[in-house]
N, C-alpha and C. Protein backbone atom coordinates (compact mmCIF):
# COMPACT_ATOMS: atom_id res chain seq x y z
N MET A 1 0.83 -1.18 0.00
CA MET A 1 0.00 0.00 0.00
C MET A 1 0.87 1.25 0.00
N ALA A 2 2.00 1.17 0.67
CA ALA A 2 2.90 2.34 0.71
C ALA A 2 3.34 2.73 -0.70
N ASP A 3 3.56 1.74 -1.57
CA ASP A 3 3.94 2.04 -2.95
C ASP A 3 2.82 2.75 -3.71
N ALA A 4 1.59 2.32 -3.47
CA ALA A 4 0.44 2.95 -4.14
C ALA A 4 0.28 4.39 -3.67
N VAL A 5 0.39 4.63 -2.37
CA VAL A 5 0.27 5.99 -1.83
C VAL A 5 1.40 6.87 -2.37
N ALA A 6 2.62 6.33 -2.43
CA ALA A 6 3.75 7.10 -2.95
C ALA A 6 3.54 7.45 -4.42
N ALA A 7 3.02 6.53 -5.21
CA ALA A 7 2.75 6.80 -6.62
C ALA A 7 1.69 7.88 -6.78
N LEU A 8 0.67 7.84 -5.93
CA LEU A 8 -0.36 8.88 -5.98
C LEU A 8 0.23 10.25 -5.65
N GLU A 9 1.10 10.29 -4.65
CA GLU A 9 1.74 11.56 -4.27
C GLU A 9 2.61 12.09 -5.41
N ARG A 10 3.34 11.20 -6.09
CA ARG A 10 4.17 11.62 -7.23
C ARG A 10 3.33 12.21 -8.35
N ASN A 11 2.08 11.76 -8.45
CA ASN A 11 1.17 12.25 -9.48
C ASN A 11 0.27 13.37 -8.97
N LEU A 12 0.70 13.99 -7.87
CA LEU A 12 0.06 15.17 -7.30
C LEU A 12 -1.33 14.93 -6.72
N CYS A 13 -1.60 13.73 -6.30
CA CYS A 13 -2.84 13.46 -5.57
C CYS A 13 -2.58 13.82 -4.11
N GLU A 14 -3.38 14.71 -3.57
CA GLU A 14 -3.12 15.23 -2.22
C GLU A 14 -4.35 15.06 -1.33
N GLY A 15 -4.11 15.13 -0.05
CA GLY A 15 -5.19 15.11 0.93
C GLY A 15 -5.54 13.71 1.39
N ALA A 16 -6.49 13.67 2.30
CA ALA A 16 -6.90 12.39 2.91
C ALA A 16 -7.45 11.42 1.88
N ASN A 17 -8.07 11.91 0.81
CA ASN A 17 -8.60 11.04 -0.23
C ASN A 17 -7.51 10.16 -0.83
N CYS A 18 -6.26 10.62 -0.82
CA CYS A 18 -5.16 9.90 -1.45
C CYS A 18 -4.27 9.16 -0.46
N THR A 19 -4.49 9.34 0.82
CA THR A 19 -3.57 8.76 1.80
C THR A 19 -4.25 8.00 2.93
N LYS A 20 -5.56 8.12 3.08
CA LYS A 20 -6.24 7.51 4.22
C LYS A 20 -6.55 6.04 3.95
N THR A 21 -5.70 5.16 4.48
CA THR A 21 -5.93 3.73 4.35
C THR A 21 -6.78 3.25 5.52
N GLN A 22 -7.35 2.08 5.36
CA GLN A 22 -8.15 1.48 6.43
C GLN A 22 -8.02 -0.03 6.32
N ILE A 23 -8.41 -0.71 7.39
CA ILE A 23 -8.43 -2.16 7.40
C ILE A 23 -9.86 -2.61 7.13
N GLY A 24 -10.04 -3.41 6.09
CA GLY A 24 -11.37 -3.91 5.76
C GLY A 24 -11.79 -5.04 6.69
N ARG A 25 -13.03 -5.44 6.57
CA ARG A 25 -13.54 -6.53 7.40
C ARG A 25 -12.80 -7.83 7.14
N ASP A 26 -12.17 -7.93 5.97
CA ASP A 26 -11.40 -9.13 5.63
C ASP A 26 -9.96 -9.07 6.15
N GLY A 27 -9.62 -8.01 6.88
CA GLY A 27 -8.29 -7.87 7.46
C GLY A 27 -7.24 -7.29 6.53
N LYS A 28 -7.64 -6.90 5.32
CA LYS A 28 -6.69 -6.36 4.34
C LYS A 28 -6.69 -4.83 4.36
N VAL A 29 -5.51 -4.25 4.17
CA VAL A 29 -5.39 -2.80 4.08
C VAL A 29 -5.96 -2.36 2.74
N GLN A 30 -6.76 -1.31 2.75
CA GLN A 30 -7.33 -0.80 1.51
C GLN A 30 -7.32 0.72 1.49
N LEU A 31 -7.37 1.26 0.29
CA LEU A 31 -7.43 2.70 0.06
C LEU A 31 -8.50 2.94 -0.99
N ASN A 32 -9.50 3.74 -0.68
CA ASN A 32 -10.57 4.06 -1.61
C ASN A 32 -10.37 5.46 -2.17
N LEU A 33 -10.42 5.58 -3.48
CA LEU A 33 -10.32 6.87 -4.16
C LEU A 33 -11.62 7.13 -4.91
N PHE A 34 -11.99 8.38 -5.03
CA PHE A 34 -13.21 8.75 -5.75
C PHE A 34 -12.88 9.82 -6.77
N ASP A 35 -13.35 9.64 -8.01
CA ASP A 35 -13.16 10.68 -9.02
C ASP A 35 -14.27 11.72 -8.86
N PRO A 36 -14.25 12.80 -9.64
CA PRO A 36 -15.26 13.85 -9.47
C PRO A 36 -16.70 13.38 -9.64
N ASP A 37 -16.91 12.28 -10.39
CA ASP A 37 -18.25 11.73 -10.55
C ASP A 37 -18.60 10.73 -9.45
N LEU A 38 -17.73 10.62 -8.44
CA LEU A 38 -17.88 9.72 -7.30
C LEU A 38 -17.78 8.24 -7.67
N THR A 39 -17.08 7.95 -8.78
CA THR A 39 -16.76 6.57 -9.11
C THR A 39 -15.62 6.15 -8.19
N ARG A 40 -15.78 5.00 -7.55
CA ARG A 40 -14.80 4.54 -6.56
C ARG A 40 -13.79 3.59 -7.19
N VAL A 41 -12.52 3.79 -6.83
CA VAL A 41 -11.44 2.86 -7.17
C VAL A 41 -10.86 2.39 -5.85
N GLU A 42 -10.70 1.09 -5.71
CA GLU A 42 -10.19 0.54 -4.46
C GLU A 42 -8.86 -0.15 -4.70
N TYR A 43 -7.85 0.25 -3.94
CA TYR A 43 -6.57 -0.45 -3.90
C TYR A 43 -6.62 -1.34 -2.67
N MET A 44 -6.14 -2.58 -2.80
CA MET A 44 -6.19 -3.50 -1.66
C MET A 44 -4.94 -4.38 -1.65
N GLU A 45 -4.43 -4.62 -0.45
CA GLU A 45 -3.32 -5.55 -0.29
C GLU A 45 -3.77 -6.96 -0.65
N PHE A 46 -2.84 -7.79 -1.08
CA PHE A 46 -3.19 -9.16 -1.46
C PHE A 46 -3.48 -10.05 -0.26
N THR A 47 -2.79 -9.83 0.85
CA THR A 47 -2.97 -10.70 2.02
C THR A 47 -3.38 -9.87 3.23
N PRO A 48 -4.12 -10.47 4.15
CA PRO A 48 -4.56 -9.74 5.34
C PRO A 48 -3.40 -9.41 6.28
N THR A 49 -3.55 -8.30 6.98
CA THR A 49 -2.57 -7.93 8.00
C THR A 49 -3.06 -8.27 9.38
N ARG A 50 -4.33 -8.66 9.48
CA ARG A 50 -4.90 -9.10 10.75
C ARG A 50 -5.99 -10.12 10.45
N GLU A 51 -6.44 -10.79 11.49
CA GLU A 51 -7.48 -11.81 11.35
C GLU A 51 -8.80 -11.17 10.89
N PRO A 52 -9.48 -11.76 9.91
CA PRO A 52 -10.78 -11.22 9.49
C PRO A 52 -11.77 -11.20 10.65
N CYS A 53 -12.70 -10.27 10.59
CA CYS A 53 -13.64 -10.09 11.70
C CYS A 53 -14.69 -11.17 11.80
N CYS A 54 -15.15 -11.67 10.67
CA CYS A 54 -16.37 -12.48 10.69
C CYS A 54 -16.16 -13.97 10.46
N SER A 55 -15.30 -14.30 9.53
CA SER A 55 -15.03 -15.71 9.25
C SER A 55 -13.65 -15.82 8.61
N PRO A 56 -12.99 -16.94 8.78
CA PRO A 56 -11.66 -17.09 8.21
C PRO A 56 -11.71 -17.14 6.68
N PHE A 57 -10.65 -16.66 6.07
CA PHE A 57 -10.52 -16.72 4.62
C PHE A 57 -9.99 -18.10 4.29
N VAL A 58 -10.73 -18.91 3.54
CA VAL A 58 -10.32 -20.29 3.31
C VAL A 58 -9.74 -20.51 1.93
N GLY A 59 -9.93 -19.58 1.02
CA GLY A 59 -9.40 -19.72 -0.34
C GLY A 59 -7.96 -19.25 -0.44
N LYS A 60 -7.40 -19.40 -1.61
CA LYS A 60 -6.05 -18.92 -1.90
C LYS A 60 -6.10 -17.40 -2.07
N HIS A 61 -5.18 -16.71 -1.41
CA HIS A 61 -5.11 -15.25 -1.56
C HIS A 61 -4.55 -14.94 -2.94
N PRO A 62 -5.10 -13.93 -3.62
CA PRO A 62 -4.54 -13.55 -4.92
C PRO A 62 -3.16 -12.96 -4.73
N GLY A 63 -2.38 -12.94 -5.77
CA GLY A 63 -1.05 -12.36 -5.71
C GLY A 63 -0.73 -11.63 -7.00
N PRO A 64 0.44 -11.05 -7.08
CA PRO A 64 0.81 -10.28 -8.27
C PRO A 64 0.74 -11.10 -9.56
N GLU A 65 0.97 -12.41 -9.46
CA GLU A 65 0.90 -13.25 -10.66
C GLU A 65 -0.49 -13.32 -11.25
N GLU A 66 -1.51 -13.02 -10.47
CA GLU A 66 -2.90 -13.02 -10.96
C GLU A 66 -3.17 -11.83 -11.87
N ASP A 67 -2.28 -10.85 -11.85
CA ASP A 67 -2.49 -9.61 -12.58
C ASP A 67 -1.97 -9.70 -14.01
N LYS A 68 -1.50 -10.84 -14.45
CA LYS A 68 -0.90 -10.97 -15.79
C LYS A 68 -1.90 -11.41 -16.81
């Protein structure tokens, strides 16, 4: 996530909209961005940083190789 935030800063994205990360219910760090039309783009880590709140994740976590 730090790489995504740094890339946004390099491209002059400023303010909390570009830097405020949160932990989702699945335990993964995420960053939500909104364009002027309020279309949402979500950046999310591949693996959780903490235990999910509701139920364990039983499937295979995606990774960078899934992006090819």
